[in-house]
PDB file of N, CA and C in Angstrom:
ATOM      1  N   UNK A   1     -20.792  51.609 150.333  1.00  0.00           N
ATOM      2  CA  UNK A   1     -21.286  51.012 149.000  1.00  0.00           C
ATOM      3  C   UNK A   1     -20.840  49.343 148.886  1.00  0.00           C
ATOM      4  N   UNK A   2     -21.285  48.415 148.177  1.00  0.00           N
ATOM      5  CA  UNK A   2     -21.004  47.091 148.340  1.00  0.00           C
ATOM      6  C   UNK A   2     -19.931  46.709 147.498  1.00  0.00           C
ATOM      7  N   UNK A   3     -18.607  46.571 147.821  1.00  0.00           N
ATOM      8  CA  UNK A   3     -17.606  46.305 147.009  1.00  0.00           C
ATOM      9  C   UNK A   3     -17.427  44.917 146.308  1.00  0.00           C
ATOM     10  N   UNK A   4     -18.696  44.175 146.555  1.00  0.00           N
ATOM     11  CA  UNK A   4     -18.836  42.966 145.798  1.00  0.00           C
ATOM     12  C   UNK A   4     -19.517  42.938 144.684  1.00  0.00           C
ATOM     13  N   UNK A   5     -18.817  42.426 143.342  1.00  0.00           N
ATOM     14  CA  UNK A   5     -19.555  42.703 142.079  1.00  0.00           C
ATOM     15  C   UNK A   5     -20.472  41.413 141.967  1.00  0.00           C
ATOM     16  N   UNK A   6     -21.535  41.583 141.586  1.00  0.00           N
ATOM     17  CA  UNK A   6     -22.811  40.661 141.129  1.00  0.00           C
ATOM     18  C   UNK A   6     -22.185  39.867 140.070  1.00  0.00           C
ATOM     19  N   UNK A   7     -22.270  38.359 140.374  1.00  0.00           N
ATOM     20  CA  UNK A   7     -21.962  37.429 139.261  1.00  0.00           C
ATOM     21  C   UNK A   7     -23.346  37.060 138.797  1.00  0.00           C
ATOM     22  N   UNK A   8     -23.382  36.876 137.583  1.00  0.00           N
ATOM     23  CA  UNK A   8     -24.649  36.565 136.811  1.00  0.00           C
ATOM     24  C   UNK A   8     -24.461  35.121 136.303  1.00  0.00           C
ATOM     25  N   UNK A   9     -25.447  34.272 136.175  1.00  0.00           N
ATOM     26  CA  UNK A   9     -26.904  34.583 136.431  1.00  0.00           C
ATOM     27  C   UNK A   9     -27.138  34.833 138.091  1.00  0.00           C
ATOM     28  N   UNK A  10     -28.307  35.730 138.207  1.00  0.00           N
ATOM     29  CA  UNK A  10     -28.785  35.672 139.733  1.00  0.00           C
ATOM     30  C   UNK A  10     -30.133  35.151 139.874  1.00  0.00           C
ATOM     31  N   UNK A  11     -30.439  34.583 140.757  1.00  0.00           N
ATOM     32  CA  UNK A  11     -31.853  33.618 140.926  1.00  0.00           C
ATOM     33  C   UNK A  11     -32.381  34.650 141.992  1.00  0.00           C
ATOM     34  N   UNK A  12     -33.892  34.729 141.720  1.00  0.00           N
ATOM     35  CA  UNK A  12     -34.661  35.270 142.418  1.00  0.00           C
ATOM     36  C   UNK A  12     -36.157  34.757 142.486  1.00  0.00           C
ATOM     37  N   UNK A  13     -37.058  34.699 143.322  1.00  0.00           N
ATOM     38  CA  UNK A  13     -38.321  34.428 143.607  1.00  0.00           C
ATOM     39  C   UNK A  13     -39.345  35.167 144.202  1.00  0.00           C
ATOM     40  N   UNK A  14     -40.418  35.152 144.035  1.00  0.00           N
ATOM     41  CA  UNK A  14     -41.579  35.736 144.643  1.00  0.00           C
ATOM     42  C   UNK A  14     -41.717  34.655 146.051  1.00  0.00           C
ATOM     43  N   UNK A  15     -42.223  35.617 146.697  1.00  0.00           N
ATOM     44  CA  UNK A  15     -42.520  35.090 148.209  1.00  0.00           C
ATOM     45  C   UNK A  15     -43.300  34.036 148.255  1.00  0.00           C
ATOM     46  N   UNK A  16     -44.289  34.020 147.212  1.00  0.00           N
ATOM     47  CA  UNK A  16     -45.204  32.967 147.196  1.00  0.00           C
ATOM     48  C   UNK A  16     -44.614  31.750 146.288  1.00  0.00           C
ATOM     49  N   UNK A  17     -43.628  32.054 145.914  1.00  0.00           N
ATOM     50  CA  UNK A  17     -43.195  31.002 144.921  1.00  0.00           C
ATOM     51  C   UNK A  17     -43.847  30.656 143.672  1.00  0.00           C
ATOM     52  N   UNK A  18     -44.695  31.553 143.107  1.00  0.00           N
ATOM     53  CA  UNK A  18     -45.271  31.431 141.946  1.00  0.00           C
ATOM     54  C   UNK A  18     -44.599  31.497 140.692  1.00  0.00           C
ATOM     55  N   UNK A  19     -43.555  32.417 140.931  1.00  0.00           N
ATOM     56  CA  UNK A  19     -42.888  32.824 139.701  1.00  0.00           C
ATOM     57  C   UNK A  19     -41.012  32.792 140.330  1.00  0.00           C
ATOM     58  N   UNK A  20     -40.323  32.399 139.489  1.00  0.00           N
ATOM     59  CA  UNK A  20     -38.979  32.406 139.641  1.00  0.00           C
ATOM     60  C   UNK A  20     -38.202  33.120 138.239  1.00  0.00           C
ATOM     61  N   UNK A  21     -37.097  33.853 138.648  1.00  0.00           N
ATOM     62  CA  UNK A  21     -36.552  34.533 137.969  1.00  0.00           C
ATOM     63  C   UNK A  21     -34.738  34.416 137.733  1.00  0.00           C
ATOM     64  N   UNK A  22     -34.540  34.109 136.738  1.00  0.00           N
ATOM     65  CA  UNK A  22     -33.183  33.967 136.255  1.00  0.00           C
ATOM     66  C   UNK A  22     -32.450  35.482 135.758  1.00  0.00           C
ATOM     67  N   UNK A  23     -31.783  36.033 136.552  1.00  0.00           N
ATOM     68  CA  UNK A  23     -31.337  37.378 135.914  1.00  0.00           C
ATOM     69  C   UNK A  23     -30.153  37.289 135.210  1.00  0.00           C
ATOM     70  N   UNK A  24     -29.962  37.789 134.214  1.00  0.00           N
ATOM     71  CA  UNK A  24     -28.619  37.421 133.027  1.00  0.00           C
ATOM     72  C   UNK A  24     -27.660  38.584 133.239  1.00  0.00           C
ATOM     73  N   UNK A  25     -28.303  39.520 133.169  1.00  0.00           N
ATOM     74  CA  UNK A  25     -27.605  40.965 133.403  1.00  0.00           C
ATOM     75  C   UNK A  25     -28.528  42.121 133.872  1.00  0.00           C
ATOM     76  N   UNK A  26     -28.042  43.302 134.010  1.00  0.00           N
ATOM     77  CA  UNK A  26     -28.722  44.343 134.477  1.00  0.00           C
ATOM     78  C   UNK A  26     -29.700  44.688 133.511  1.00  0.00           C
ATOM     79  N   UNK A  27     -29.899  44.204 132.369  1.00  0.00           N
ATOM     80  CA  UNK A  27     -30.987  44.703 131.501  1.00  0.00           C
ATOM     81  C   UNK A  27     -31.717  43.307 130.797  1.00  0.00           C
ATOM     82  N   UNK A  28     -31.512  42.252 131.419  1.00  0.00           N
ATOM     83  CA  UNK A  28     -32.460  41.022 130.965  1.00  0.00           C
ATOM     84  C   UNK A  28     -32.538  39.988 132.011  1.00  0.00           C
ATOM     85  N   UNK A  29     -33.710  39.498 131.896  1.00  0.00           N
ATOM     86  CA  UNK A  29     -33.901  38.252 132.806  1.00  0.00           C
ATOM     87  C   UNK A  29     -34.922  37.315 132.113  1.00  0.00           C
ATOM     88  N   UNK A  30     -34.843  35.999 132.562  1.00  0.00           N
ATOM     89  CA  UNK A  30     -35.935  35.037 132.355  1.00  0.00           C
ATOM     90  C   UNK A  30     -36.825  34.831 133.227  1.00  0.00           C
ATOM     91  N   UNK A  31     -37.962  34.319 133.009  1.00  0.00           N
ATOM     92  CA  UNK A  31     -39.199  34.333 134.211  1.00  0.00           C
ATOM     93  C   UNK A  31     -39.719  32.874 133.658  1.00  0.00           C
ATOM     94  N   UNK A  32     -39.948  32.182 135.020  1.00  0.00           N
ATOM     95  CA  UNK A  32     -40.847  30.946 134.988  1.00  0.00           C
ATOM     96  C   UNK A  32     -41.921  31.213 136.017  1.00  0.00           C
ATOM     97  N   UNK A  33     -42.977  31.232 135.435  1.00  0.00           N
ATOM     98  CA  UNK A  33     -44.438  31.493 136.066  1.00  0.00           C
ATOM     99  C   UNK A  33     -45.495  30.039 136.081  1.00  0.00           C
ATOM    100  N   UNK A  34     -45.850  29.394 137.314  1.00  0.00           N
ATOM    101  CA  UNK A  34     -46.500  28.467 137.478  1.00  0.00           C
ATOM    102  C   UNK A  34     -48.069  28.984 137.205  1.00  0.00           C
ATOM    103  N   UNK A  35     -48.667  28.325 136.298  1.00  0.00           N
ATOM    104  CA  UNK A  35     -50.121  28.577 136.087  1.00  0.00           C
ATOM    105  C   UNK A  35     -50.867  27.191 135.926  1.00  0.00           C
ATOM    106  N   UNK A  36     -51.367  26.786 137.129  1.00  0.00           N
ATOM    107  CA  UNK A  36     -51.869  25.556 137.080  1.00  0.00           C
ATOM    108  C   UNK A  36     -50.816  24.377 137.234  1.00  0.00           C
ATOM    109  N   UNK A  37     -51.274  23.408 136.238  1.00  0.00           N
ATOM    110  CA  UNK A  37     -50.178  22.546 135.956  1.00  0.00           C
ATOM    111  C   UNK A  37     -48.939  22.785 134.844  1.00  0.00           C
ATOM    112  N   UNK A  38     -49.273  23.818 134.257  1.00  0.00           N
ATOM    113  CA  UNK A  38     -48.342  24.605 133.347  1.00  0.00           C
ATOM    114  C   UNK A  38     -47.466  25.420 133.968  1.00  0.00           C
ATOM    115  N   UNK A  39     -46.222  25.621 133.184  1.00  0.00           N
ATOM    116  CA  UNK A  39     -44.971  26.443 133.558  1.00  0.00           C
ATOM    117  C   UNK A  39     -44.901  27.452 132.181  1.00  0.00           C
ATOM    118  N   UNK A  40     -45.231  28.535 132.266  1.00  0.00           N
ATOM    119  CA  UNK A  40     -44.906  29.402 131.200  1.00  0.00           C
ATOM    120  C   UNK A  40     -43.563  30.177 131.471  1.00  0.00           C
ATOM    121  N   UNK A  41     -42.590  30.105 130.160  1.00  0.00           N
ATOM    122  CA  UNK A  41     -41.130  30.691 130.421  1.00  0.00           C
ATOM    123  C   UNK A  41     -41.733  32.007 129.495  1.00  0.00           C
ATOM    124  N   UNK A  42     -40.725  33.125 130.141  1.00  0.00           N
ATOM    125  CA  UNK A  42     -40.558  34.752 129.469  1.00  0.00           C
ATOM    126  C   UNK A  42     -39.232  34.651 129.391  1.00  0.00           C
ATOM    127  N   UNK A  43     -38.982  35.616 128.289  1.00  0.00           N
ATOM    128  CA  UNK A  43     -37.485  36.429 128.183  1.00  0.00           C
ATOM    129  C   UNK A  43     -37.927  37.674 127.949  1.00  0.00           C
ATOM    130  N   UNK A  44     -37.077  38.793 129.184  1.00  0.00           N
ATOM    131  CA  UNK A  44     -37.426  39.922 129.033  1.00  0.00           C
ATOM    132  C   UNK A  44     -36.174  40.649 129.045  1.00  0.00           C
ATOM    133  N   UNK A  45     -36.045  41.829 127.978  1.00  0.00           N
ATOM    134  CA  UNK A  45     -35.119  42.730 127.650  1.00  0.00           C
ATOM    135  C   UNK A  45     -35.704  44.133 128.126  1.00  0.00           C
ATOM    136  N   UNK A  46     -35.108  44.520 129.180  1.00  0.00           N
ATOM    137  CA  UNK A  46     -35.343  45.832 129.553  1.00  0.00           C
ATOM    138  C   UNK A  46     -35.089  46.974 128.374  1.00  0.00           C
ATOM    139  N   UNK A  47     -36.139  47.555 127.929  1.00  0.00           N
ATOM    140  CA  UNK A  47     -35.716  48.524 127.154  1.00  0.00           C
ATOM    141  C   UNK A  47     -36.405  50.012 127.533  1.00  0.00           C
ATOM    142  N   UNK A  48     -37.120  49.968 128.586  1.00  0.00           N
ATOM    143  CA  UNK A  48     -37.810  51.089 129.185  1.00  0.00           C
ATOM    144  C   UNK A  48     -37.350  51.161 130.801  1.00  0.00           C
ATOM    145  N   UNK A  49     -37.353  52.241 131.155  1.00  0.00           N
ATOM    146  CA  UNK A  49     -36.708  52.820 132.383  1.00  0.00           C
ATOM    147  C   UNK A  49     -37.591  51.911 133.808  1.00  0.00           C
ATOM    148  N   UNK A  50     -39.111  51.663 133.646  1.00  0.00           N
ATOM    149  CA  UNK A  50     -39.377  50.987 134.531  1.00  0.00           C
ATOM    150  C   UNK A  50     -39.004  49.681 134.721  1.00  0.00           C
ATOM    151  N   UNK A  51     -38.925  48.930 133.777  1.00  0.00           N
ATOM    152  CA  UNK A  51     -38.346  47.469 133.327  1.00  0.00           C
ATOM    153  C   UNK A  51     -36.852  47.643 133.914  1.00  0.00           C
ATOM    154  N   UNK A  52     -36.062  48.363 134.090  1.00  0.00           N
ATOM    155  CA  UNK A  52     -34.569  48.624 134.218  1.00  0.00           C
ATOM    156  C   UNK A  52     -34.479  48.448 135.906  1.00  0.00           C
ATOM    157  N   UNK A  53     -35.649  49.633 136.378  1.00  0.00           N
ATOM    158  CA  UNK A  53     -35.717  49.497 137.850  1.00  0.00           C
ATOM    159  C   UNK A  53     -36.174  48.204 138.709  1.00  0.00           C
ATOM    160  N   UNK A  54     -37.039  47.584 137.794  1.00  0.00           N
ATOM    161  CA  UNK A  54     -37.596  46.178 138.313  1.00  0.00           C
ATOM    162  C   UNK A  54     -36.341  45.280 138.439  1.00  0.00           C
ATOM    163  N   UNK A  55     -35.575  45.434 137.602  1.00  0.00           N
ATOM    164  CA  UNK A  55     -34.228  44.266 137.629  1.00  0.00           C
ATOM    165  C   UNK A  55     -33.617  44.845 138.666  1.00  0.00           C
ATOM    166  N   UNK A  56     -33.351  46.229 138.757  1.00  0.00           N
ATOM    167  CA  UNK A  56     -32.376  46.375 140.012  1.00  0.00           C
ATOM    168  C   UNK A  56     -33.156  46.145 141.454  1.00  0.00           C
ATOM    169  N   UNK A  57     -34.363  46.163 141.563  1.00  0.00           N
ATOM    170  CA  UNK A  57     -35.227  45.603 142.825  1.00  0.00           C
ATOM    171  C   UNK A  57     -34.987  44.323 142.727  1.00  0.00           C
ATOM    172  N   UNK A  58     -34.808  43.393 141.975  1.00  0.00           N
ATOM    173  CA  UNK A  58     -34.767  42.025 141.918  1.00  0.00           C
ATOM    174  C   UNK A  58     -33.165  41.804 142.255  1.00  0.00           C
ATOM    175  N   UNK A  59     -32.210  42.347 141.897  1.00  0.00           N
ATOM    176  CA  UNK A  59     -30.973  42.183 142.290  1.00  0.00           C
ATOM    177  C   UNK A  59     -30.868  42.575 143.795  1.00  0.00           C
ATOM    178  N   UNK A  60     -31.309  43.604 144.318  1.00  0.00           N
ATOM    179  CA  UNK A  60     -31.355  44.272 145.438  1.00  0.00           C
ATOM    180  C   UNK A  60     -32.324  43.386 146.425  1.00  0.00           C
ATOM    181  N   UNK A  61     -32.967  42.478 146.118  1.00  0.00           N
ATOM    182  CA  UNK A  61     -34.051  41.567 146.947  1.00  0.00           C
ATOM    183  C   UNK A  61     -35.024  42.548 147.477  1.00  0.00           C
ATOM    184  N   UNK A  62     -35.726  43.537 146.491  1.00  0.00           N
ATOM    185  CA  UNK A  62     -36.650  44.405 147.076  1.00  0.00           C
ATOM    186  C   UNK A  62     -37.964  43.964 146.470  1.00  0.00           C
ATOM    187  N   UNK A  63     -38.701  43.157 147.537  1.00  0.00           N
ATOM    188  CA  UNK A  63     -39.921  42.503 147.005  1.00  0.00           C
ATOM    189  C   UNK A  63     -39.820  41.199 146.445  1.00  0.00           C
ATOM    190  N   UNK A  64     -38.474  40.531 146.596  1.00  0.00           N
ATOM    191  CA  UNK A  64     -38.133  39.355 146.108  1.00  0.00           C
ATOM    192  C   UNK A  64     -37.346  38.573 146.963  1.00  0.00           C
ATOM    193  N   UNK A  65     -37.101  37.349 146.934  1.00  0.00           N
ATOM    194  CA  UNK A  65     -36.441  36.657 147.666  1.00  0.00           C
ATOM    195  C   UNK A  65     -35.243  35.877 147.100  1.00  0.00           C
ATOM    196  N   UNK A  66     -34.049  35.550 147.535  1.00  0.00           N
ATOM    197  CA  UNK A  66     -33.066  34.652 147.003  1.00  0.00           C
ATOM    198  C   UNK A  66     -33.469  33.473 146.446  1.00  0.00           C
ATOM    199  N   UNK A  67     -33.303  33.075 145.365  1.00  0.00           N
ATOM    200  CA  UNK A  67     -33.377  31.596 144.900  1.00  0.00           C
ATOM    201  C   UNK A  67     -32.135  30.907 144.522  1.00  0.00           C
ATOM    202  N   UNK A  68     -32.238  29.536 144.176  1.00  0.00           N
ATOM    203  CA  UNK A  68     -30.864  29.079 143.646  1.00  0.00           C
ATOM    204  C   UNK A  68     -31.016  28.652 142.325  1.00  0.00           C
ATOM    205  N   UNK A  69     -30.146  28.159 141.722  1.00  0.00           N
ATOM    206  CA  UNK A  69     -30.051  27.599 140.264  1.00  0.00           C
ATOM    207  C   UNK A  69     -30.733  26.241 140.147  1.00  0.00           C
ATOM    208  N   UNK A  70     -30.771  25.231 141.425  1.00  0.00           N
ATOM    209  CA  UNK A  70     -31.531  24.331 141.697  1.00  0.00           C
ATOM    210  C   UNK A  70     -32.810  24.686 141.560  1.00  0.00           C
ATOM    211  N   UNK A  71     -33.689  25.686 142.503  1.00  0.00           N
ATOM    212  CA  UNK A  71     -34.871  25.868 142.184  1.00  0.00           C
ATOM    213  C   UNK A  71     -35.175  26.259 140.610  1.00  0.00           C
ATOM    214  N   UNK A  72     -34.580  26.829 140.406  1.00  0.00           N
ATOM    215  CA  UNK A  72     -34.660  27.427 138.822  1.00  0.00           C
ATOM    216  C   UNK A  72     -34.853  26.240 137.931  1.00  0.00           C
ATOM    217  N   UNK A  73     -33.812  25.158 137.743  1.00  0.00           N
ATOM    218  CA  UNK A  73     -33.902  24.068 137.136  1.00  0.00           C
ATOM    219  C   UNK A  73     -35.171  23.270 137.462  1.00  0.00           C
ATOM    220  N   UNK A  74     -35.472  23.111 138.724  1.00  0.00           N
ATOM    221  CA  UNK A  74     -36.447  22.074 138.982  1.00  0.00           C
ATOM    222  C   UNK A  74     -37.734  22.645 139.104  1.00  0.00           C
ATOM    223  N   UNK A  75     -37.947  24.043 138.611  1.00  0.00           N
ATOM    224  CA  UNK A  75     -39.320  24.756 138.860  1.00  0.00           C
ATOM    225  C   UNK A  75     -40.468  24.058 137.753  1.00  0.00           C
TER     226      UNK A  75
END
């Protein structure tokens, strides 16, 4: 088991870099999505089990890549 405690926020991105994520805790995250010249912002609070699993996948980098706070800010 990993002894290191996750320090939030955690940043992730999709491999195609179309979306970046700022994970605030194990139940919520912010998302930025590039759509042409626009950037859409979303806030998600996980209230259903599949959403909670998605956040755990993000934290574990399953289907996601690590990103930095600078990538989030400059997106």
